[in-house]
Amino acid sequence: MSRIGVLPIPVPDGVELTFQGRSVAAKGKLGELRLELTGSVAAQLEDGAVVVSRGDESKQSKSLHGLYQRLISNMVTGVSEGFRKVLLINGVGYRAEVQGNTLALNLGFSQPVEYAIPEGASIEVADTTRVTVSGCDRQIVGQVASEIRGFRPPEPYKGKGIRYEDEHVRRKAGKTAVSAA
């Protein structure tokens, strides 16, 4: 039995769920998301909570049971509260700014890196070194944050680059520390 799949998903006030055939749609104050169910997994609303069940005991159904429970849970959380990732930029002269529908990043390259903000995500720059990616779809928010971080990942010697707010960069000693021993 799936430990995650059997957990009911509470539906908060302000979130409207609709079930049409094999699709589940969630609508809330932050947006609307839709998910197509595959395999023998089914979802239904019972006593103010969504219950995900599987039709058979095949290996694929067992795998999809927990997956779809978590995806529907993320949909409900996304349309009611939203998701956000905070990126920190560290380095001399490194900075970011939003220009219309693009994010301009100065990361020590000869030209600024321009990143087109995709639909479903919003980017805010509080100061020039703190970028917040937010949206209702967890997958899009994580993908956008990962792509921005990929332009200049943190390096282990000086810690320069783009890192997540909760990420710890392991620092290495340089050549001088090794030769002095």
N, C-alpha and C. Protein backbone atom coordinates (compact mmCIF):
# COMPACT_ATOMS: atom_id res chain seq x y z
N MET A 1 0.84 -1.18 0.00
CA MET A 1 0.00 0.00 0.00
C MET A 1 0.88 1.24 0.00
N SER A 2 0.55 2.20 -0.82
CA SER A 2 1.31 3.44 -0.91
C SER A 2 1.10 4.28 0.35
N ARG A 3 2.19 4.69 0.97
CA ARG A 3 2.07 5.51 2.17
C ARG A 3 1.65 6.93 1.85
N ILE A 4 2.06 7.43 0.69
CA ILE A 4 1.69 8.79 0.30
C ILE A 4 0.34 8.80 -0.40
N GLY A 5 0.09 7.80 -1.25
CA GLY A 5 -1.12 7.78 -2.06
C GLY A 5 -2.40 7.70 -1.28
N VAL A 6 -2.38 7.09 -0.09
CA VAL A 6 -3.61 6.92 0.68
C VAL A 6 -3.98 8.16 1.49
N LEU A 7 -3.08 9.14 1.60
CA LEU A 7 -3.37 10.33 2.38
C LEU A 7 -4.40 11.20 1.67
N PRO A 8 -5.46 11.61 2.37
CA PRO A 8 -6.43 12.51 1.74
C PRO A 8 -5.85 13.92 1.62
N ILE A 9 -6.27 14.64 0.61
CA ILE A 9 -5.79 15.99 0.35
C ILE A 9 -6.87 16.97 0.78
N PRO A 10 -6.67 17.72 1.87
CA PRO A 10 -7.70 18.68 2.29
C PRO A 10 -7.80 19.83 1.29
N VAL A 11 -9.03 20.23 1.02
CA VAL A 11 -9.27 21.32 0.08
C VAL A 11 -9.62 22.57 0.88
N PRO A 12 -8.77 23.61 0.86
CA PRO A 12 -9.05 24.82 1.63
C PRO A 12 -10.17 25.65 1.00
N ASP A 13 -10.68 26.59 1.77
CA ASP A 13 -11.72 27.50 1.26
C ASP A 13 -11.14 28.33 0.12
N GLY A 14 -11.94 28.58 -0.88
CA GLY A 14 -11.50 29.37 -2.02
C GLY A 14 -10.93 28.55 -3.16
N VAL A 15 -10.81 27.24 -2.98
CA VAL A 15 -10.30 26.37 -4.04
C VAL A 15 -11.46 25.53 -4.57
N GLU A 16 -11.64 25.56 -5.88
CA GLU A 16 -12.73 24.82 -6.52
C GLU A 16 -12.11 23.72 -7.39
N LEU A 17 -12.48 22.48 -7.10
CA LEU A 17 -11.99 21.33 -7.87
C LEU A 17 -13.10 20.79 -8.74
N THR A 18 -12.76 20.47 -9.99
CA THR A 18 -13.72 19.85 -10.89
C THR A 18 -13.10 18.59 -11.48
N PHE A 19 -13.88 17.54 -11.55
CA PHE A 19 -13.45 16.26 -12.08
C PHE A 19 -14.28 15.97 -13.33
N GLN A 20 -13.62 15.85 -14.48
CA GLN A 20 -14.29 15.52 -15.74
C GLN A 20 -13.58 14.34 -16.36
N GLY A 21 -14.18 13.20 -16.27
CA GLY A 21 -13.56 12.00 -16.84
C GLY A 21 -12.22 11.71 -16.18
N ARG A 22 -11.14 11.80 -16.96
CA ARG A 22 -9.79 11.51 -16.46
C ARG A 22 -9.02 12.78 -16.09
N SER A 23 -9.65 13.94 -16.09
CA SER A 23 -8.93 15.18 -15.80
C SER A 23 -9.41 15.80 -14.48
N VAL A 24 -8.48 16.44 -13.81
CA VAL A 24 -8.75 17.15 -12.56
C VAL A 24 -8.33 18.59 -12.78
N ALA A 25 -9.22 19.53 -12.43
CA ALA A 25 -8.90 20.95 -12.57
C ALA A 25 -9.08 21.63 -11.22
N ALA A 26 -8.13 22.47 -10.88
CA ALA A 26 -8.18 23.23 -9.64
C ALA A 26 -8.17 24.70 -9.98
N LYS A 27 -9.07 25.46 -9.34
CA LYS A 27 -9.17 26.89 -9.59
C LYS A 27 -9.18 27.60 -8.25
N GLY A 28 -8.34 28.62 -8.14
CA GLY A 28 -8.24 29.38 -6.89
C GLY A 28 -7.89 30.82 -7.18
N LYS A 29 -7.51 31.53 -6.12
CA LYS A 29 -7.24 32.96 -6.27
C LYS A 29 -5.98 33.26 -7.07
N LEU A 30 -5.05 32.30 -7.16
CA LEU A 30 -3.80 32.55 -7.88
C LEU A 30 -3.79 32.02 -9.31
N GLY A 31 -4.81 31.27 -9.69
CA GLY A 31 -4.84 30.77 -11.06
C GLY A 31 -5.61 29.48 -11.19
N GLU A 32 -5.39 28.82 -12.31
CA GLU A 32 -6.09 27.58 -12.61
C GLU A 32 -5.09 26.57 -13.17
N LEU A 33 -5.17 25.33 -12.69
CA LEU A 33 -4.29 24.25 -13.15
C LEU A 33 -5.12 23.04 -13.52
N ARG A 34 -4.61 22.24 -14.48
CA ARG A 34 -5.31 21.06 -14.95
C ARG A 34 -4.33 19.90 -15.02
N LEU A 35 -4.82 18.69 -14.70
CA LEU A 35 -4.01 17.49 -14.70
C LEU A 35 -4.80 16.35 -15.32
N GLU A 36 -4.16 15.61 -16.23
CA GLU A 36 -4.77 14.44 -16.84
C GLU A 36 -4.26 13.19 -16.12
N LEU A 37 -5.16 12.35 -15.63
CA LEU A 37 -4.78 11.11 -14.96
C LEU A 37 -4.62 10.00 -15.99
N THR A 38 -3.60 9.16 -15.80
CA THR A 38 -3.38 8.03 -16.68
C THR A 38 -3.39 6.75 -15.87
N GLY A 39 -3.42 5.62 -16.55
CA GLY A 39 -3.43 4.34 -15.87
C GLY A 39 -4.75 4.08 -15.18
N SER A 40 -4.73 3.27 -14.14
CA SER A 40 -5.97 2.93 -13.43
C SER A 40 -6.14 3.76 -12.16
N VAL A 41 -5.52 4.93 -12.10
CA VAL A 41 -5.63 5.80 -10.94
C VAL A 41 -6.83 6.72 -11.13
N ALA A 42 -7.61 6.88 -10.06
CA ALA A 42 -8.78 7.75 -10.10
C ALA A 42 -8.77 8.66 -8.89
N ALA A 43 -9.38 9.83 -9.03
CA ALA A 43 -9.46 10.79 -7.92
C ALA A 43 -10.91 11.23 -7.77
N GLN A 44 -11.34 11.43 -6.53
CA GLN A 44 -12.70 11.90 -6.27
C GLN A 44 -12.71 12.71 -4.99
N LEU A 45 -13.75 13.52 -4.86
CA LEU A 45 -13.91 14.40 -3.70
C LEU A 45 -14.81 13.71 -2.69
N GLU A 46 -14.30 13.54 -1.45
CA GLU A 46 -15.07 12.92 -0.38
C GLU A 46 -14.90 13.73 0.90
N ASP A 47 -15.98 14.24 1.45
CA ASP A 47 -15.98 14.97 2.72
C ASP A 47 -14.99 16.13 2.74
N GLY A 48 -14.94 16.92 1.69
CA GLY A 48 -14.07 18.09 1.64
C GLY A 48 -12.61 17.77 1.43
N ALA A 49 -12.29 16.56 1.01
CA ALA A 49 -10.91 16.16 0.74
C ALA A 49 -10.86 15.31 -0.51
N VAL A 50 -9.77 15.40 -1.24
CA VAL A 50 -9.59 14.60 -2.45
C VAL A 50 -8.94 13.28 -2.05
N VAL A 51 -9.51 12.18 -2.53
CA VAL A 51 -8.98 10.85 -2.27
C VAL A 51 -8.56 10.25 -3.60
N VAL A 52 -7.31 9.80 -3.67
CA VAL A 52 -6.78 9.18 -4.88
C VAL A 52 -6.75 7.67 -4.64
N SER A 53 -7.29 6.93 -5.60
CA SER A 53 -7.33 5.47 -5.47
C SER A 53 -6.83 4.84 -6.76
N ARG A 54 -6.43 3.57 -6.65
CA ARG A 54 -5.98 2.85 -7.84
C ARG A 54 -6.90 1.66 -8.08
N GLY A 55 -7.02 1.30 -9.35
CA GLY A 55 -7.96 0.25 -9.73
C GLY A 55 -7.43 -1.15 -9.60
N ASP A 56 -6.13 -1.33 -9.68
CA ASP A 56 -5.56 -2.67 -9.57
C ASP A 56 -4.24 -2.59 -8.79
N GLU A 57 -3.61 -3.72 -8.63
CA GLU A 57 -2.38 -3.80 -7.83
C GLU A 57 -1.14 -3.99 -8.70
N SER A 58 -1.19 -3.53 -9.95
CA SER A 58 -0.02 -3.67 -10.82
C SER A 58 1.08 -2.73 -10.35
N LYS A 59 2.29 -3.01 -10.79
CA LYS A 59 3.44 -2.20 -10.38
C LYS A 59 3.30 -0.75 -10.86
N GLN A 60 2.78 -0.58 -12.08
CA GLN A 60 2.60 0.76 -12.62
C GLN A 60 1.55 1.54 -11.82
N SER A 61 0.46 0.91 -11.46
CA SER A 61 -0.59 1.57 -10.69
C SER A 61 -0.08 1.98 -9.31
N LYS A 62 0.71 1.12 -8.70
CA LYS A 62 1.28 1.45 -7.39
C LYS A 62 2.22 2.65 -7.50
N SER A 63 2.98 2.71 -8.58
CA SER A 63 3.90 3.83 -8.78
C SER A 63 3.14 5.13 -9.02
N LEU A 64 2.09 5.07 -9.82
CA LEU A 64 1.34 6.27 -10.15
C LEU A 64 0.45 6.76 -9.01
N HIS A 65 0.11 5.88 -8.07
CA HIS A 65 -0.79 6.23 -6.98
C HIS A 65 -0.23 7.39 -6.15
N GLY A 66 0.98 7.24 -5.66
CA GLY A 66 1.60 8.29 -4.86
C GLY A 66 1.94 9.52 -5.68
N LEU A 67 2.34 9.30 -6.94
CA LEU A 67 2.67 10.42 -7.82
C LEU A 67 1.48 11.35 -8.02
N TYR A 68 0.34 10.79 -8.38
CA TYR A 68 -0.83 11.62 -8.64
C TYR A 68 -1.38 12.26 -7.37
N GLN A 69 -1.24 11.59 -6.24
CA GLN A 69 -1.67 12.20 -4.98
C GLN A 69 -0.85 13.46 -4.74
N ARG A 70 0.47 13.37 -4.95
CA ARG A 70 1.34 14.51 -4.71
C ARG A 70 1.12 15.61 -5.75
N LEU A 71 0.88 15.25 -7.00
CA LEU A 71 0.62 16.25 -8.04
C LEU A 71 -0.66 17.01 -7.77
N ILE A 72 -1.71 16.31 -7.34
CA ILE A 72 -2.98 16.99 -7.02
C ILE A 72 -2.80 17.86 -5.78
N SER A 73 -2.05 17.37 -4.81
CA SER A 73 -1.77 18.17 -3.61
C SER A 73 -1.03 19.45 -3.98
N ASN A 74 -0.05 19.35 -4.89
CA ASN A 74 0.68 20.54 -5.33
C ASN A 74 -0.22 21.49 -6.11
N MET A 75 -1.19 20.96 -6.86
CA MET A 75 -2.13 21.82 -7.57
C MET A 75 -2.97 22.62 -6.57
N VAL A 76 -3.49 21.95 -5.55
CA VAL A 76 -4.33 22.61 -4.55
C VAL A 76 -3.52 23.67 -3.81
N THR A 77 -2.30 23.34 -3.41
CA THR A 77 -1.45 24.31 -2.73
C THR A 77 -1.09 25.46 -3.65
N GLY A 78 -0.81 25.18 -4.90
CA GLY A 78 -0.40 26.21 -5.85
C GLY A 78 -1.47 27.25 -6.12
N VAL A 79 -2.72 26.82 -6.30
CA VAL A 79 -3.78 27.79 -6.61
C VAL A 79 -4.24 28.54 -5.36
N SER A 80 -3.94 28.01 -4.17
CA SER A 80 -4.36 28.71 -2.95
C SER A 80 -3.24 29.55 -2.35
N GLU A 81 -2.02 29.01 -2.25
CA GLU A 81 -0.90 29.73 -1.63
C GLU A 81 0.19 30.11 -2.62
N GLY A 82 0.44 29.27 -3.60
CA GLY A 82 1.49 29.51 -4.57
C GLY A 82 2.82 28.95 -4.11
N PHE A 83 3.77 28.93 -5.01
CA PHE A 83 5.12 28.46 -4.72
C PHE A 83 6.10 29.56 -5.06
N ARG A 84 7.23 29.57 -4.36
CA ARG A 84 8.26 30.55 -4.66
C ARG A 84 9.63 29.99 -4.35
N LYS A 85 10.59 30.43 -5.12
CA LYS A 85 12.00 30.09 -4.92
C LYS A 85 12.77 31.39 -4.93
N VAL A 86 13.70 31.51 -3.99
CA VAL A 86 14.52 32.71 -3.90
C VAL A 86 15.95 32.35 -4.30
N LEU A 87 16.50 33.14 -5.21
CA LEU A 87 17.87 32.95 -5.68
C LEU A 87 18.71 34.13 -5.21
N LEU A 88 19.92 33.86 -4.74
CA LEU A 88 20.85 34.89 -4.31
C LEU A 88 22.02 34.96 -5.27
N ILE A 89 22.38 36.16 -5.66
CA ILE A 89 23.49 36.37 -6.60
C ILE A 89 24.66 36.90 -5.80
N ASN A 90 25.80 36.22 -5.91
CA ASN A 90 26.99 36.60 -5.15
C ASN A 90 28.15 36.80 -6.10
N GLY A 91 28.77 37.96 -6.07
CA GLY A 91 29.93 38.24 -6.91
C GLY A 91 30.04 39.73 -7.17
N VAL A 92 31.24 40.21 -7.36
CA VAL A 92 31.47 41.63 -7.60
C VAL A 92 30.92 42.00 -8.97
N GLY A 93 30.01 42.96 -9.00
CA GLY A 93 29.42 43.40 -10.25
C GLY A 93 28.28 42.53 -10.75
N TYR A 94 27.96 41.46 -10.05
CA TYR A 94 26.84 40.59 -10.47
C TYR A 94 25.54 41.23 -10.00
N ARG A 95 24.58 41.35 -10.89
CA ARG A 95 23.30 41.94 -10.51
C ARG A 95 22.22 41.50 -11.50
N ALA A 96 20.98 41.72 -11.08
CA ALA A 96 19.84 41.35 -11.91
C ALA A 96 18.83 42.48 -11.90
N GLU A 97 18.06 42.57 -12.98
CA GLU A 97 16.96 43.52 -13.04
C GLU A 97 15.94 43.02 -14.05
N VAL A 98 14.67 43.34 -13.78
CA VAL A 98 13.59 42.95 -14.67
C VAL A 98 13.33 44.11 -15.62
N GLN A 99 13.35 43.81 -16.92
CA GLN A 99 13.07 44.81 -17.95
C GLN A 99 11.91 44.32 -18.79
N GLY A 100 10.71 44.74 -18.43
CA GLY A 100 9.53 44.29 -19.14
C GLY A 100 9.25 42.83 -18.87
N ASN A 101 9.35 42.00 -19.91
CA ASN A 101 9.09 40.56 -19.77
C ASN A 101 10.38 39.75 -19.83
N THR A 102 11.53 40.40 -19.56
CA THR A 102 12.80 39.69 -19.55
C THR A 102 13.56 40.01 -18.26
N LEU A 103 14.39 39.07 -17.88
CA LEU A 103 15.27 39.25 -16.72
C LEU A 103 16.68 39.44 -17.27
N ALA A 104 17.29 40.58 -16.96
CA ALA A 104 18.64 40.88 -17.41
C ALA A 104 19.60 40.59 -16.27
N LEU A 105 20.57 39.71 -16.53
CA LEU A 105 21.53 39.29 -15.52
C LEU A 105 22.94 39.70 -15.95
N ASN A 106 23.63 40.47 -15.13
CA ASN A 106 25.03 40.78 -15.35
C ASN A 106 25.83 39.84 -14.47
N LEU A 107 26.50 38.86 -15.11
CA LEU A 107 27.16 37.79 -14.37
C LEU A 107 28.64 37.67 -14.70
N GLY A 108 29.26 38.76 -15.11
CA GLY A 108 30.68 38.72 -15.40
C GLY A 108 31.01 38.32 -16.83
N PHE A 109 30.01 38.10 -17.66
CA PHE A 109 30.24 37.82 -19.07
C PHE A 109 30.38 39.14 -19.81
N SER A 110 30.81 39.10 -21.07
CA SER A 110 30.98 40.33 -21.83
C SER A 110 29.64 41.01 -22.13
N GLN A 111 28.58 40.23 -22.22
CA GLN A 111 27.24 40.78 -22.47
C GLN A 111 26.31 40.32 -21.37
N PRO A 112 25.28 41.11 -21.04
CA PRO A 112 24.30 40.64 -20.05
C PRO A 112 23.51 39.45 -20.60
N VAL A 113 23.14 38.54 -19.70
CA VAL A 113 22.32 37.39 -20.07
C VAL A 113 20.87 37.83 -19.98
N GLU A 114 20.11 37.65 -21.06
CA GLU A 114 18.70 38.02 -21.06
C GLU A 114 17.87 36.75 -21.04
N TYR A 115 16.98 36.65 -20.06
CA TYR A 115 16.14 35.47 -19.90
C TYR A 115 14.68 35.89 -20.04
N ALA A 116 13.99 35.32 -21.02
CA ALA A 116 12.57 35.63 -21.23
C ALA A 116 11.74 34.92 -20.16
N ILE A 117 10.95 35.67 -19.43
CA ILE A 117 10.15 35.11 -18.34
C ILE A 117 8.98 34.33 -18.97
N PRO A 118 8.89 33.02 -18.69
CA PRO A 118 7.82 32.23 -19.30
C PRO A 118 6.46 32.52 -18.65
N GLU A 119 5.42 32.16 -19.38
CA GLU A 119 4.06 32.33 -18.85
C GLU A 119 3.85 31.35 -17.70
N GLY A 120 3.21 31.80 -16.65
CA GLY A 120 2.97 30.96 -15.48
C GLY A 120 3.95 31.22 -14.36
N ALA A 121 4.96 32.05 -14.61
CA ALA A 121 5.93 32.39 -13.57
C ALA A 121 6.08 33.90 -13.53
N SER A 122 6.33 34.43 -12.36
CA SER A 122 6.62 35.85 -12.22
C SER A 122 7.93 35.99 -11.47
N ILE A 123 8.72 36.98 -11.87
CA ILE A 123 10.03 37.20 -11.28
C ILE A 123 10.07 38.61 -10.72
N GLU A 124 10.54 38.70 -9.47
CA GLU A 124 10.72 39.99 -8.81
C GLU A 124 12.17 40.09 -8.35
N VAL A 125 12.72 41.28 -8.46
CA VAL A 125 14.07 41.53 -7.98
C VAL A 125 13.96 42.57 -6.88
N ALA A 126 14.13 42.12 -5.61
CA ALA A 126 13.99 43.02 -4.46
C ALA A 126 15.14 44.03 -4.44
N ASP A 127 16.35 43.57 -4.30
CA ASP A 127 17.51 44.41 -4.55
C ASP A 127 18.25 43.75 -5.71
N THR A 128 19.36 44.23 -6.08
CA THR A 128 19.98 43.73 -7.31
C THR A 128 20.55 42.32 -7.19
N THR A 129 20.58 41.76 -5.98
CA THR A 129 21.17 40.44 -5.80
C THR A 129 20.20 39.41 -5.26
N ARG A 130 18.93 39.70 -5.21
CA ARG A 130 17.93 38.76 -4.68
C ARG A 130 16.79 38.64 -5.68
N VAL A 131 16.67 37.47 -6.30
CA VAL A 131 15.66 37.21 -7.32
C VAL A 131 14.64 36.23 -6.76
N THR A 132 13.35 36.59 -6.83
CA THR A 132 12.28 35.72 -6.34
C THR A 132 11.45 35.26 -7.53
N VAL A 133 11.37 33.94 -7.70
CA VAL A 133 10.55 33.33 -8.75
C VAL A 133 9.31 32.78 -8.07
N SER A 134 8.12 33.15 -8.54
CA SER A 134 6.89 32.67 -7.92
C SER A 134 5.86 32.33 -8.98
N GLY A 135 4.88 31.51 -8.57
CA GLY A 135 3.82 31.11 -9.47
C GLY A 135 2.98 30.03 -8.82
N CYS A 136 1.94 29.58 -9.51
CA CYS A 136 1.05 28.58 -8.94
C CYS A 136 1.43 27.15 -9.35
N ASP A 137 2.23 26.99 -10.40
CA ASP A 137 2.65 25.66 -10.84
C ASP A 137 4.05 25.37 -10.32
N ARG A 138 4.16 24.39 -9.46
CA ARG A 138 5.43 24.08 -8.81
C ARG A 138 6.51 23.68 -9.81
N GLN A 139 6.13 22.96 -10.84
CA GLN A 139 7.09 22.51 -11.83
C GLN A 139 7.67 23.68 -12.61
N ILE A 140 6.85 24.63 -13.00
CA ILE A 140 7.33 25.79 -13.75
C ILE A 140 8.24 26.65 -12.88
N VAL A 141 7.86 26.87 -11.63
CA VAL A 141 8.67 27.68 -10.72
C VAL A 141 10.05 27.05 -10.52
N GLY A 142 10.09 25.74 -10.29
CA GLY A 142 11.36 25.06 -10.11
C GLY A 142 12.20 25.06 -11.37
N GLN A 143 11.56 24.89 -12.52
CA GLN A 143 12.28 24.88 -13.79
C GLN A 143 12.90 26.24 -14.09
N VAL A 144 12.14 27.31 -13.87
CA VAL A 144 12.64 28.66 -14.13
C VAL A 144 13.81 28.97 -13.19
N ALA A 145 13.66 28.64 -11.91
CA ALA A 145 14.74 28.88 -10.95
C ALA A 145 15.99 28.09 -11.33
N SER A 146 15.81 26.87 -11.78
CA SER A 146 16.94 26.03 -12.18
C SER A 146 17.64 26.59 -13.41
N GLU A 147 16.88 27.09 -14.37
CA GLU A 147 17.47 27.67 -15.58
C GLU A 147 18.25 28.94 -15.25
N ILE A 148 17.71 29.77 -14.36
CA ILE A 148 18.42 31.00 -13.97
C ILE A 148 19.71 30.64 -13.24
N ARG A 149 19.65 29.68 -12.33
CA ARG A 149 20.83 29.24 -11.59
C ARG A 149 21.87 28.65 -12.54
N GLY A 150 21.42 28.01 -13.61
CA GLY A 150 22.32 27.37 -14.56
C GLY A 150 23.19 28.34 -15.35
N PHE A 151 22.84 29.63 -15.40
CA PHE A 151 23.67 30.59 -16.11
C PHE A 151 25.02 30.78 -15.43
N ARG A 152 25.05 30.72 -14.10
CA ARG A 152 26.30 30.85 -13.36
C ARG A 152 26.16 30.14 -12.01
N PRO A 153 26.32 28.80 -12.00
CA PRO A 153 26.22 28.07 -10.73
C PRO A 153 27.31 28.52 -9.76
N PRO A 154 27.10 28.37 -8.46
CA PRO A 154 28.12 28.82 -7.51
C PRO A 154 29.39 27.98 -7.63
N GLU A 155 30.52 28.66 -7.57
CA GLU A 155 31.77 27.94 -7.64
C GLU A 155 32.33 27.77 -6.23
N PRO A 156 33.11 26.72 -5.99
CA PRO A 156 33.48 26.36 -4.61
C PRO A 156 34.62 27.17 -4.01
N TYR A 157 35.36 27.97 -4.79
CA TYR A 157 36.53 28.66 -4.24
C TYR A 157 36.19 30.02 -3.63
N LYS A 158 35.45 30.84 -4.36
CA LYS A 158 35.07 32.14 -3.83
C LYS A 158 33.57 32.24 -3.54
N GLY A 159 32.79 31.26 -3.99
CA GLY A 159 31.35 31.27 -3.75
C GLY A 159 30.59 32.16 -4.71
N LYS A 160 31.24 32.61 -5.79
CA LYS A 160 30.58 33.48 -6.76
C LYS A 160 29.58 32.68 -7.58
N GLY A 161 28.49 33.32 -7.92
CA GLY A 161 27.49 32.68 -8.77
C GLY A 161 26.09 32.86 -8.22
N ILE A 162 25.16 32.09 -8.77
CA ILE A 162 23.76 32.15 -8.36
C ILE A 162 23.45 30.89 -7.58
N ARG A 163 22.89 31.05 -6.39
CA ARG A 163 22.53 29.89 -5.57
C ARG A 163 21.13 30.10 -5.01
N TYR A 164 20.52 28.98 -4.58
CA TYR A 164 19.23 29.05 -3.92
C TYR A 164 19.44 29.63 -2.52
N GLU A 165 18.40 30.20 -1.96
CA GLU A 165 18.49 30.83 -0.64
C GLU A 165 18.86 29.82 0.44
N ASP A 166 18.33 28.61 0.35
CA ASP A 166 18.59 27.60 1.37
C ASP A 166 19.73 26.65 0.99
N GLU A 167 20.47 26.96 -0.07
CA GLU A 167 21.56 26.11 -0.53
C GLU A 167 22.86 26.49 0.19
N HIS A 168 23.62 25.50 0.58
CA HIS A 168 24.93 25.73 1.20
C HIS A 168 26.00 25.32 0.21
N VAL A 169 26.92 26.23 -0.09
CA VAL A 169 28.00 25.95 -1.03
C VAL A 169 29.22 25.52 -0.22
N ARG A 170 29.69 24.31 -0.47
CA ARG A 170 30.89 23.83 0.22
C ARG A 170 32.10 24.53 -0.38
N ARG A 171 32.84 25.20 0.46
CA ARG A 171 34.00 25.94 0.00
C ARG A 171 35.26 25.08 0.06
N LYS A 172 36.13 25.26 -0.91
CA LYS A 172 37.39 24.53 -0.96
C LYS A 172 38.54 25.49 -0.66
N ALA A 173 39.62 24.95 -0.14
CA ALA A 173 40.82 25.75 0.06
C ALA A 173 41.51 25.88 -1.29
N GLY A 174 42.12 27.02 -1.54
CA GLY A 174 42.82 27.25 -2.80
C GLY A 174 44.19 26.63 -2.82
N LYS A 175 44.97 26.92 -3.87
CA LYS A 175 46.30 26.35 -4.02
C LYS A 175 47.23 26.79 -2.90
N THR A 176 47.11 28.04 -2.46
CA THR A 176 48.02 28.55 -1.44
C THR A 176 47.86 27.82 -0.12
N ALA A 177 46.66 27.42 0.20
CA ALA A 177 46.43 26.69 1.46
C ALA A 177 47.05 25.31 1.40
N VAL A 178 47.10 24.70 0.23
CA VAL A 178 47.66 23.37 0.08
C VAL A 178 49.19 23.42 0.12
N SER A 179 49.80 24.39 -0.56
CA SER A 179 51.24 24.46 -0.63
C SER A 179 51.87 24.95 0.67
N ALA A 180 51.13 25.66 1.50
CA ALA A 180 51.66 26.17 2.77
C ALA A 180 51.82 25.07 3.79
N ALA A 181 51.20 23.93 3.60
CA ALA A 181 51.27 22.85 4.59
C ALA A 181 52.52 22.11 4.53
